[in-house]
N, C-alpha and C. Protein backbone atom coordinates (compact mmCIF):
# COMPACT_ATOMS: atom_id res chain seq x y z
N MET A 1 134.00 72.38 183.58
CA MET A 1 133.33 71.79 182.49
C MET A 1 134.36 71.86 181.50
N LYS A 2 135.33 72.08 181.37
CA LYS A 2 136.39 72.27 180.11
C LYS A 2 137.04 70.81 180.76
N TYR A 3 137.39 70.41 182.13
CA TYR A 3 137.77 69.15 182.42
C TYR A 3 136.44 68.03 181.79
N ALA A 4 135.49 68.43 181.71
CA ALA A 4 134.08 67.25 181.72
C ALA A 4 134.92 67.02 180.21
N GLN A 5 134.58 68.31 179.57
CA GLN A 5 134.72 67.77 177.81
C GLN A 5 136.41 66.98 177.96
N TYR A 6 136.84 67.42 178.39
CA TYR A 6 138.67 66.68 177.83
C TYR A 6 138.43 65.25 178.15
N VAL A 7 137.79 65.07 179.13
CA VAL A 7 137.76 63.42 179.74
C VAL A 7 136.77 62.75 178.58
N PHE A 8 135.46 63.56 178.10
CA PHE A 8 134.71 63.26 176.87
C PHE A 8 135.23 62.73 175.59
N LEU A 9 136.72 63.83 175.51
CA LEU A 9 137.05 63.66 173.83
C LEU A 9 138.13 62.84 174.52
N ALA A 10 138.68 62.72 175.90
CA ALA A 10 139.14 61.25 175.51
C ALA A 10 138.87 60.27 175.48
N SER A 11 137.83 59.84 176.36
CA SER A 11 137.14 58.37 176.45
C SER A 11 136.61 58.16 174.88
N ILE A 12 136.04 59.23 173.73
CA ILE A 12 136.08 58.82 172.26
C ILE A 12 137.14 58.84 171.57
N PHE A 13 138.31 59.34 171.87
CA PHE A 13 139.83 58.73 171.17
C PHE A 13 139.79 57.39 171.40
N SER A 14 139.80 57.10 172.90
CA SER A 14 140.38 56.03 173.42
C SER A 14 139.33 54.90 172.68
N THR A 15 137.77 55.37 172.58
CA THR A 15 137.15 54.11 171.98
C THR A 15 137.45 54.22 170.49
N VAL A 16 137.81 54.83 169.71
CA VAL A 16 138.12 55.65 168.48
C VAL A 16 139.43 54.03 168.42
N GLU A 17 140.36 54.56 168.97
CA GLU A 17 141.56 53.84 169.10
C GLU A 17 141.88 52.47 169.20
N TYR A 18 140.69 52.04 169.86
CA TYR A 18 140.23 50.60 170.46
C TYR A 18 139.96 49.47 169.13
N SER A 19 138.76 50.33 168.50
CA SER A 19 138.03 50.33 167.44
C SER A 19 139.25 49.48 166.24
N LEU A 20 139.87 51.00 166.13
CA LEU A 20 140.76 50.70 164.66
C LEU A 20 141.64 49.53 165.13
N ALA A 21 142.07 49.59 166.51
CA ALA A 21 142.92 48.12 166.91
C ALA A 21 142.47 46.52 166.63
N GLN A 22 141.03 46.97 166.75
CA GLN A 22 140.37 45.33 166.79
C GLN A 22 140.50 45.26 164.87
N THR A 23 141.05 44.68 164.31
CA THR A 23 141.13 44.02 163.03
C THR A 23 140.72 42.66 162.29
N CYS A 24 140.07 43.01 161.10
CA CYS A 24 139.97 41.78 160.64
C CYS A 24 140.48 41.21 159.68
N ALA A 25 142.13 41.57 159.69
CA ALA A 25 143.04 41.04 158.95
C ALA A 25 143.30 39.78 158.85
N VAL A 26 143.13 39.01 157.81
CA VAL A 26 142.98 37.73 157.87
C VAL A 26 144.23 36.63 158.49
N GLU A 27 145.63 37.69 158.90
CA GLU A 27 146.46 37.22 159.44
C GLU A 27 146.36 37.12 160.90
N SER A 28 144.97 37.77 161.03
CA SER A 28 144.75 37.50 162.74
C SER A 28 143.80 36.61 162.96
N PHE A 29 142.76 36.00 162.38
CA PHE A 29 142.34 35.09 162.21
C PHE A 29 142.92 33.34 163.02
N SER A 30 142.42 33.07 163.70
CA SER A 30 142.95 31.70 164.28
C SER A 30 142.44 30.44 163.77
N VAL A 31 143.37 29.49 163.89
CA VAL A 31 142.97 28.46 163.26
C VAL A 31 143.13 27.25 164.14
N LYS A 32 142.89 25.48 163.68
CA LYS A 32 143.30 25.05 164.27
C LYS A 32 144.44 24.31 164.94
N ASP A 33 144.65 24.40 166.15
CA ASP A 33 145.97 24.42 166.66
C ASP A 33 146.25 22.70 166.02
N ASN A 34 147.72 22.13 166.28
CA ASN A 34 148.04 21.14 165.94
C ASN A 34 147.66 20.87 164.90
N PHE A 35 147.06 20.88 163.65
CA PHE A 35 146.51 20.62 162.69
C PHE A 35 147.11 19.09 162.32
N ASP A 36 146.74 18.22 162.17
CA ASP A 36 146.82 16.86 161.30
C ASP A 36 146.51 16.49 160.42
N PRO A 37 146.99 16.68 158.68
CA PRO A 37 146.43 16.67 157.76
C PRO A 37 146.11 15.09 157.45
N LYS A 38 147.09 14.35 158.41
CA LYS A 38 146.19 13.02 157.74
C LYS A 38 145.03 12.68 158.57
N ARG A 39 144.47 13.12 159.53
CA ARG A 39 143.40 13.07 160.45
C ARG A 39 142.49 13.79 159.40
N TYR A 40 142.77 14.23 158.79
CA TYR A 40 141.93 15.03 157.87
C TYR A 40 141.47 14.76 156.70
N ALA A 41 142.27 13.92 155.98
CA ALA A 41 142.54 13.20 155.16
C ALA A 41 140.87 12.34 154.50
N GLY A 42 140.66 12.38 153.79
CA GLY A 42 139.54 11.68 153.41
C GLY A 42 137.95 12.03 153.24
N LYS A 43 136.76 11.79 153.09
CA LYS A 43 135.66 12.21 152.54
C LYS A 43 134.89 13.56 153.11
N TRP A 44 134.78 14.47 152.66
CA TRP A 44 133.94 15.34 153.55
C TRP A 44 132.58 15.97 152.64
N TYR A 45 131.51 16.29 153.05
CA TYR A 45 130.78 16.86 152.48
C TYR A 45 130.30 18.41 153.19
N ALA A 46 130.07 19.03 151.90
CA ALA A 46 129.82 20.82 152.41
C ALA A 46 128.60 20.54 152.63
N LEU A 47 128.44 21.01 153.86
CA LEU A 47 126.71 21.28 154.79
C LEU A 47 126.42 22.79 154.35
N ALA A 48 127.20 23.69 153.91
CA ALA A 48 126.87 25.29 154.25
C ALA A 48 128.14 25.71 153.54
N LYS A 49 127.45 26.72 152.97
CA LYS A 49 129.18 28.06 152.50
C LYS A 49 128.78 29.43 152.27
N LYS A 50 129.44 29.90 152.84
CA LYS A 50 129.87 31.60 152.25
C LYS A 50 130.46 31.81 151.24
N ASP A 51 129.88 32.16 150.01
CA ASP A 51 130.95 32.28 149.26
C ASP A 51 130.49 33.80 148.19
N PRO A 52 131.90 34.07 147.33
CA PRO A 52 132.09 35.11 146.66
C PRO A 52 131.20 34.65 145.33
N GLU A 53 131.03 35.95 144.56
CA GLU A 53 130.65 35.58 143.35
C GLU A 53 131.16 34.79 142.78
N GLY A 54 130.77 33.67 141.88
CA GLY A 54 132.27 32.79 140.70
C GLY A 54 132.60 31.65 141.51
N LEU A 55 132.13 31.45 142.52
CA LEU A 55 132.50 29.89 143.20
C LEU A 55 132.18 29.12 142.19
N PHE A 56 133.15 28.51 141.83
CA PHE A 56 132.97 27.25 140.74
C PHE A 56 131.83 26.46 140.95
N LEU A 57 132.28 25.64 142.33
CA LEU A 57 131.14 24.78 142.63
C LEU A 57 130.25 25.18 143.44
N GLN A 58 128.92 25.13 142.87
CA GLN A 58 127.83 25.72 143.54
C GLN A 58 127.25 25.05 144.74
N ASP A 59 126.67 23.96 144.51
CA ASP A 59 126.04 23.16 145.59
C ASP A 59 126.48 21.68 145.67
N ASN A 60 126.06 20.62 146.31
CA ASN A 60 126.35 19.02 145.99
C ASN A 60 127.72 19.14 146.43
N ILE A 61 128.04 19.60 147.13
CA ILE A 61 130.42 19.57 146.83
C ILE A 61 130.54 18.40 148.05
N SER A 62 131.27 17.85 147.66
CA SER A 62 131.93 17.29 147.83
C SER A 62 133.88 16.88 147.84
N ALA A 63 134.43 16.22 148.33
CA ALA A 63 135.78 16.84 148.53
C ALA A 63 136.53 15.32 149.69
N GLU A 64 137.13 14.82 148.52
CA GLU A 64 138.36 13.72 149.25
C GLU A 64 139.71 14.20 148.87
N TYR A 65 140.06 14.23 150.36
CA TYR A 65 141.35 14.81 150.63
C TYR A 65 142.39 13.64 151.02
N THR A 66 143.57 13.94 150.42
CA THR A 66 144.33 12.34 150.55
C THR A 66 145.91 13.06 150.66
N VAL A 67 146.65 12.60 151.54
CA VAL A 67 148.54 12.97 151.78
C VAL A 67 149.04 11.52 151.17
N GLU A 68 150.06 12.36 150.61
CA GLU A 68 151.29 11.27 150.00
C GLU A 68 151.71 11.43 151.22
N GLU A 69 152.38 10.19 150.79
CA GLU A 69 154.12 9.70 151.78
C GLU A 69 155.01 11.23 152.12
N ASP A 70 154.70 12.06 151.15
CA ASP A 70 155.86 13.32 151.07
C ASP A 70 155.40 13.87 152.01
N GLY A 71 153.51 14.15 152.09
CA GLY A 71 153.33 15.15 153.26
C GLY A 71 152.43 16.17 152.23
N THR A 72 152.39 15.85 150.87
CA THR A 72 152.20 16.81 150.06
C THR A 72 150.30 16.02 150.25
N MET A 73 149.39 17.52 150.10
CA MET A 73 147.99 17.18 150.21
C MET A 73 147.09 17.01 148.99
N THR A 74 146.23 16.59 148.62
CA THR A 74 145.64 16.77 146.86
C THR A 74 144.12 16.64 147.96
N ALA A 75 143.36 17.45 146.68
CA ALA A 75 142.09 17.14 146.80
C ALA A 75 141.20 17.26 145.85
N SER A 76 140.11 16.13 145.45
CA SER A 76 139.52 15.81 144.46
C SER A 76 138.12 16.36 145.04
N SER A 77 137.42 17.81 144.23
CA SER A 77 135.86 17.72 144.50
C SER A 77 134.99 17.54 143.57
N LYS A 78 133.77 17.51 143.81
CA LYS A 78 132.36 17.52 142.95
C LYS A 78 131.55 18.18 143.50
N GLY A 79 130.34 18.83 142.42
CA GLY A 79 129.76 19.28 142.88
C GLY A 79 129.00 19.88 141.65
N ARG A 80 128.26 20.80 141.59
CA ARG A 80 127.33 21.26 140.46
C ARG A 80 127.54 22.87 140.31
N VAL A 81 127.44 22.83 139.18
CA VAL A 81 127.82 24.26 138.46
C VAL A 81 127.02 24.84 137.64
N LYS A 82 126.75 25.41 137.64
CA LYS A 82 125.77 26.47 136.63
C LYS A 82 126.96 27.07 135.62
N LEU A 83 127.11 26.82 134.30
CA LEU A 83 127.34 27.80 133.52
C LEU A 83 126.13 28.41 132.61
N PHE A 84 127.06 29.50 132.16
CA PHE A 84 126.19 30.43 131.18
C PHE A 84 125.16 30.80 131.76
N GLY A 85 124.61 30.52 132.81
CA GLY A 85 123.48 31.21 133.73
C GLY A 85 121.95 30.21 133.84
N PHE A 86 122.42 28.93 132.90
CA PHE A 86 121.46 27.99 132.84
C PHE A 86 122.01 26.51 132.36
N TRP A 87 122.81 26.52 132.01
CA TRP A 87 123.38 24.93 131.91
C TRP A 87 123.92 24.65 132.99
N VAL A 88 123.39 23.23 133.95
CA VAL A 88 123.33 22.87 135.34
C VAL A 88 124.65 21.71 135.09
N ILE A 89 125.25 21.23 135.24
CA ILE A 89 126.09 19.77 135.27
C ILE A 89 126.87 19.59 136.62
N CYS A 90 127.65 18.44 136.60
CA CYS A 90 127.81 18.38 137.76
C CYS A 90 129.90 18.40 137.39
N ALA A 91 130.36 18.87 138.09
CA ALA A 91 131.80 18.53 137.84
C ALA A 91 133.11 18.32 138.80
N ASP A 92 134.10 18.18 138.24
CA ASP A 92 135.49 17.84 139.04
C ASP A 92 136.24 18.89 139.11
N MET A 93 136.98 19.13 140.18
CA MET A 93 137.60 19.89 140.38
C MET A 93 138.68 18.94 141.31
N ALA A 94 139.94 19.50 141.11
CA ALA A 94 141.15 19.45 141.24
C ALA A 94 142.14 20.35 142.28
N ALA A 95 143.11 19.89 143.26
CA ALA A 95 143.79 20.88 144.28
C ALA A 95 145.11 20.21 144.61
N GLN A 96 146.04 20.95 145.03
CA GLN A 96 146.80 21.06 145.75
C GLN A 96 147.46 21.72 146.66
N TYR A 97 147.17 21.11 147.91
CA TYR A 97 147.95 21.97 149.22
C TYR A 97 149.15 22.26 149.55
N THR A 98 149.85 23.07 150.04
CA THR A 98 151.27 23.81 150.34
C THR A 98 151.27 23.87 151.74
N VAL A 99 151.99 24.11 152.79
CA VAL A 99 152.33 24.81 154.09
C VAL A 99 153.18 25.91 153.92
N PRO A 100 152.66 26.91 153.53
CA PRO A 100 154.00 27.56 153.97
C PRO A 100 154.94 28.41 154.83
N ASP A 101 153.83 27.62 156.05
CA ASP A 101 154.91 27.94 157.47
C ASP A 101 154.51 26.61 158.21
N PRO A 102 155.35 25.94 158.47
CA PRO A 102 155.42 24.66 159.06
C PRO A 102 154.72 24.55 160.23
N THR A 103 155.10 25.92 160.82
CA THR A 103 154.23 26.09 162.54
C THR A 103 153.15 26.52 162.54
N THR A 104 152.42 26.20 161.37
CA THR A 104 150.93 26.84 161.27
C THR A 104 150.51 25.64 159.79
N PRO A 105 150.46 24.38 160.20
CA PRO A 105 149.40 23.28 159.21
C PRO A 105 148.75 23.57 158.71
N ALA A 106 147.95 24.36 159.55
CA ALA A 106 146.38 24.45 159.40
C ALA A 106 145.97 25.31 158.02
N LYS A 107 147.13 26.50 157.83
CA LYS A 107 147.21 27.98 157.01
C LYS A 107 148.06 27.40 155.68
N MET A 108 147.09 26.79 154.91
CA MET A 108 147.49 26.19 153.90
C MET A 108 147.46 27.12 152.69
N TYR A 109 148.28 26.64 151.54
CA TYR A 109 148.21 27.62 149.92
C TYR A 109 147.30 26.29 148.92
N MET A 110 146.21 26.92 148.82
CA MET A 110 145.78 25.77 147.13
C MET A 110 146.12 26.49 146.40
N THR A 111 146.37 25.16 145.34
CA THR A 111 146.87 25.35 144.13
C THR A 111 145.64 24.79 143.12
N TYR A 112 144.82 25.52 142.38
CA TYR A 112 144.16 24.35 141.23
C TYR A 112 144.48 23.87 140.09
N GLN A 113 144.01 22.43 139.89
CA GLN A 113 145.05 22.01 139.05
C GLN A 113 143.73 21.35 137.71
N GLY A 114 144.19 21.49 136.73
CA GLY A 114 143.30 20.78 135.53
C GLY A 114 142.56 22.06 135.04
N LEU A 115 141.40 22.03 134.54
CA LEU A 115 140.59 22.96 134.04
C LEU A 115 140.35 23.96 134.98
N ALA A 116 140.33 23.68 136.31
CA ALA A 116 140.12 24.50 137.31
C ALA A 116 140.88 25.47 137.33
N SER A 117 142.66 25.19 137.11
CA SER A 117 143.27 26.26 137.13
C SER A 117 143.21 27.13 135.86
N TYR A 118 142.82 26.68 134.99
CA TYR A 118 142.44 27.95 133.79
C TYR A 118 141.28 29.16 134.23
N LEU A 119 140.30 28.43 135.19
CA LEU A 119 139.06 29.37 135.44
C LEU A 119 139.67 30.42 136.96
N SER A 120 140.38 30.32 137.39
CA SER A 120 141.09 30.50 138.77
C SER A 120 142.04 32.09 138.49
N SER A 121 141.99 32.66 139.46
CA SER A 121 143.08 34.05 138.99
C SER A 121 144.21 33.87 139.95
N GLY A 122 144.72 32.02 140.40
CA GLY A 122 145.70 31.57 140.94
C GLY A 122 145.69 30.66 141.83
N GLY A 123 145.82 31.10 143.14
CA GLY A 123 145.42 30.14 144.16
C GLY A 123 144.82 30.94 145.75
N ASP A 124 144.51 30.12 146.26
CA ASP A 124 143.87 30.81 147.67
C ASP A 124 145.03 30.45 148.90
N ASN A 125 144.71 31.31 149.93
CA ASN A 125 145.10 30.60 151.06
C ASN A 125 143.67 30.15 151.31
N TYR A 126 144.32 28.94 152.36
CA TYR A 126 143.12 27.83 152.59
C TYR A 126 143.48 27.61 153.52
N TRP A 127 142.43 27.71 155.05
CA TRP A 127 143.23 27.46 156.30
C TRP A 127 141.75 26.72 156.71
N VAL A 128 141.97 25.66 157.84
CA VAL A 128 141.25 25.00 158.50
C VAL A 128 141.26 25.52 159.87
N ILE A 129 139.78 26.07 160.07
CA ILE A 129 139.46 26.76 161.17
C ILE A 129 139.73 26.03 162.36
N ASP A 130 138.58 24.90 162.55
CA ASP A 130 138.44 23.98 163.51
C ASP A 130 138.02 22.95 162.77
N THR A 131 138.19 21.72 163.38
CA THR A 131 138.20 20.29 162.82
C THR A 131 137.99 19.61 164.22
N ASP A 132 136.81 18.61 164.52
CA ASP A 132 137.53 17.18 165.35
C ASP A 132 137.49 16.39 164.37
N TYR A 133 138.33 16.34 163.22
CA TYR A 133 138.11 15.41 162.22
C TYR A 133 137.57 14.48 161.89
N ASP A 134 136.64 13.81 162.75
CA ASP A 134 135.66 12.87 162.75
C ASP A 134 134.19 12.86 162.16
N ASN A 135 133.70 14.50 162.68
CA ASN A 135 132.57 14.95 162.61
C ASN A 135 132.43 16.79 161.74
N TYR A 136 133.25 17.12 161.89
CA TYR A 136 133.06 18.33 161.30
C TYR A 136 134.30 18.98 160.98
N ALA A 137 134.04 20.38 160.23
CA ALA A 137 135.24 21.09 159.84
C ALA A 137 134.89 22.01 159.17
N ILE A 138 135.32 23.19 159.81
CA ILE A 138 135.27 24.66 159.45
C ILE A 138 136.47 25.52 158.11
N THR A 139 136.23 25.80 157.28
CA THR A 139 137.08 26.03 156.59
C THR A 139 136.83 27.40 155.99
N TYR A 140 137.90 27.89 155.21
CA TYR A 140 138.34 29.25 155.23
C TYR A 140 138.96 29.85 154.01
N ALA A 141 138.70 30.62 153.05
CA ALA A 141 139.52 30.56 151.80
C ALA A 141 139.39 32.30 151.90
N CYS A 142 140.75 32.65 151.58
CA CYS A 142 140.86 34.15 150.71
C CYS A 142 141.92 34.41 149.64
N ARG A 143 140.99 34.38 148.95
CA ARG A 143 141.64 34.70 146.94
C ARG A 143 142.23 36.20 146.82
N SER A 144 141.75 37.21 147.59
CA SER A 144 142.77 38.19 147.46
C SER A 144 142.40 39.14 148.84
N LEU A 145 143.96 39.92 149.19
CA LEU A 145 143.70 40.66 150.51
C LEU A 145 143.85 41.89 149.81
N LYS A 146 142.75 42.96 150.85
CA LYS A 146 142.93 44.54 150.75
C LYS A 146 144.23 44.90 151.32
N GLU A 147 144.48 46.17 150.86
CA GLU A 147 145.68 46.72 151.46
C GLU A 147 146.01 46.65 152.81
N ASP A 148 144.75 46.41 153.90
CA ASP A 148 144.70 46.06 155.16
C ASP A 148 144.98 45.31 155.56
N GLY A 149 144.64 44.19 154.50
CA GLY A 149 144.72 42.97 155.26
C GLY A 149 143.85 41.97 155.24
N SER A 150 142.42 43.29 154.86
CA SER A 150 141.24 42.12 155.01
C SER A 150 141.34 41.35 153.59
N CYS A 151 140.54 40.01 153.89
CA CYS A 151 139.75 39.53 152.59
C CYS A 151 138.95 40.38 151.47
N TYR A 152 139.34 40.66 150.40
CA TYR A 152 138.22 41.54 149.70
C TYR A 152 137.49 40.15 149.04
N ASP A 153 138.32 39.14 148.62
CA ASP A 153 136.89 37.84 147.76
C ASP A 153 137.22 36.23 148.48
N GLY A 154 136.58 36.65 149.57
CA GLY A 154 136.91 35.05 150.26
C GLY A 154 135.85 34.25 150.74
N TYR A 155 135.76 33.28 151.01
CA TYR A 155 134.49 32.06 151.11
C TYR A 155 134.83 30.97 152.04
N SER A 156 133.78 30.39 152.91
CA SER A 156 134.15 29.24 153.54
C SER A 156 132.85 28.26 153.57
N LEU A 157 133.48 26.99 154.14
CA LEU A 157 132.36 25.81 153.95
C LEU A 157 132.90 24.90 155.73
N ILE A 158 131.26 24.63 156.07
CA ILE A 158 131.06 23.67 156.62
C ILE A 158 131.21 22.31 156.23
N PHE A 159 131.88 21.59 156.89
CA PHE A 159 131.65 20.04 156.12
C PHE A 159 131.98 19.22 157.14
N SER A 160 130.51 18.08 156.74
CA SER A 160 130.78 17.04 157.55
C SER A 160 131.36 15.33 156.89
N ARG A 161 131.34 14.82 158.02
CA ARG A 161 132.14 13.49 157.24
C ARG A 161 130.57 12.69 156.56
N ASN A 162 129.18 13.09 157.36
CA ASN A 162 128.59 12.62 156.20
C ASN A 162 127.78 13.53 155.46
N PRO A 163 126.53 13.06 154.76
CA PRO A 163 126.24 13.95 153.64
C PRO A 163 124.61 14.22 154.39
């Protein structure tokens, strides 16, 4: 009987250890291999989003990505915003993207520009999870990390080349 209890406890500990080894740490997320910013550039329309409280652009979102000769990528985004809980306006937002690690160009850091820079708490990690460049793109952004490496405040957008 004790042997059976030992095996049972060992299997429970093994299961718990395996579960703890599975992580939601942001760094473990896979992104688009061999991401090409020049192919990604152009107009995208957000079809769906998962967002935190207070994401600046709320709906009817479009983004125009541009890549400069030096490789710098910028975006000009538009969308509806509700201010003060009742006033709905169309707003513009601009951002610049840098690639901290050239070996993973799909993992970028987004810095807000203009008015949006005053409304943000800094920049966001902005990652292209997947894209075929011609039809869809799935992006993920994390504003702040928890101590365990998981995202405290993140959002995701699914883009299409067509509205």
